[in-house]
Amino acid sequence: MPDKISATNEKGETVEIEIIAAFEIPDFSRKYVIYSYNEVDPNGLAKLHVSQLIEEAGKYTLANVETDDEWTRIKSVMRAIITGGNA
């Protein structure tokens, strides 16, 4: 997957995102992406976003994470990325 892609967000807008990490959670049969719009918060920290990533015919769509179970697993993956462990 490229470092930057164009994707359609949940509002139907085409957005350019920078991919920080992409992963699949087989239990949900879904792919997810941690990404940035290259924004920083008032403390100078990068703002990160997480979405489900759907690819169809070479086009990408960002979709909301649907369940608390998904969020729990995504947070586990994010902790593993930060600590260098396995999710």
Protein backbone atom coordinates (compact mmCIF):
# COMPACT_ATOMS: atom_id res chain seq x y z
CA MET A 1 0.00 0.00 0.00
CA PRO A 2 1.34 3.45 -0.86
CA ASP A 3 2.22 5.99 1.84
CA LYS A 4 -0.45 8.40 0.58
CA ILE A 5 -3.79 7.63 -1.01
CA SER A 6 -6.97 9.35 -2.09
CA ALA A 7 -10.04 7.94 -0.37
CA THR A 8 -13.70 8.74 -0.03
CA ASN A 9 -14.63 9.59 3.55
CA GLU A 10 -17.94 8.94 5.33
CA LYS A 11 -19.24 12.32 4.05
CA GLY A 12 -18.64 11.28 0.43
CA GLU A 13 -15.71 13.68 0.05
CA THR A 14 -12.44 12.70 -1.61
CA VAL A 15 -9.57 13.24 0.83
CA GLU A 16 -5.81 12.76 0.67
CA ILE A 17 -4.49 10.78 3.62
CA GLU A 18 -1.03 9.77 4.76
CA ILE A 19 -0.95 6.13 5.84
CA ILE A 20 0.76 5.59 9.21
CA ALA A 21 -0.13 1.90 9.52
CA ALA A 22 -2.48 -0.54 7.83
CA PHE A 23 -3.58 -3.88 9.23
CA GLU A 24 -6.26 -6.53 9.01
CA ILE A 25 -8.17 -8.13 11.85
CA PRO A 26 -9.12 -11.56 10.47
CA ASP A 27 -11.83 -12.14 13.11
CA PHE A 28 -13.79 -9.26 11.58
CA SER A 29 -12.66 -9.83 7.96
CA ARG A 30 -11.89 -6.14 7.72
CA LYS A 31 -8.89 -3.94 7.01
CA TYR A 32 -8.10 -0.84 9.04
CA VAL A 33 -5.86 2.13 8.59
CA ILE A 34 -4.23 4.60 10.98
CA TYR A 35 -3.79 7.81 9.02
CA SER A 36 -3.14 11.52 9.18
CA TYR A 37 -4.19 14.64 7.32
CA ASN A 38 -0.83 16.12 8.41
CA GLU A 39 -2.53 18.14 11.15
CA VAL A 40 -1.11 18.94 14.56
CA ASP A 41 -2.97 19.68 17.78
CA PRO A 42 -2.31 22.75 19.98
CA ASN A 43 0.45 20.81 21.79
CA GLY A 44 2.32 20.14 18.54
CA LEU A 45 1.35 16.45 18.41
CA ALA A 46 0.23 14.81 15.18
CA LYS A 47 -3.50 14.15 14.97
CA LEU A 48 -4.15 10.52 14.01
CA HIS A 49 -7.36 8.94 12.77
CA VAL A 50 -8.50 5.32 12.51
CA SER A 51 -11.00 3.96 10.00
CA GLN A 52 -12.04 0.79 8.36
CA LEU A 53 -10.52 0.76 4.85
CA ILE A 54 -12.54 -0.70 2.02
CA GLU A 55 -10.90 -1.23 -1.37
CA GLU A 56 -13.00 -1.93 -4.44
CA ALA A 57 -11.72 -1.80 -8.01
CA GLY A 58 -8.65 0.20 -6.94
CA LYS A 59 -10.69 2.84 -5.10
CA TYR A 60 -10.51 3.35 -1.35
CA THR A 61 -13.31 4.22 1.04
CA LEU A 62 -12.94 5.10 4.72
CA ALA A 63 -15.72 3.71 6.92
CA ASN A 64 -16.45 4.11 10.61
CA VAL A 65 -15.39 1.45 13.09
CA GLU A 66 -18.70 -0.18 13.98
CA THR A 67 -18.41 -2.00 17.31
CA ASP A 68 -16.78 -1.77 20.72
CA ASP A 69 -15.16 -5.18 20.04
CA GLU A 70 -13.46 -3.74 16.96
CA TRP A 71 -12.21 -0.72 18.95
CA THR A 72 -10.82 -2.99 21.65
CA ARG A 73 -8.84 -4.98 19.06
CA ILE A 74 -7.71 -1.84 17.22
CA LYS A 75 -6.41 -0.32 20.48
CA SER A 76 -4.52 -3.56 21.12
CA VAL A 77 -2.89 -3.33 17.68
CA MET A 78 -2.01 0.33 18.31
CA ARG A 79 -0.38 -0.55 21.65
CA ALA A 80 1.59 -3.32 19.94
CA ILE A 81 2.81 -0.88 17.27
CA ILE A 82 3.94 1.59 19.93
CA THR A 83 5.70 -0.99 22.10
CA GLY A 84 7.01 -3.17 19.26
CA GLY A 85 5.03 -6.17 20.54
CA ASN A 86 2.52 -8.50 18.95
CA ALA A 87 -1.21 -7.77 18.95
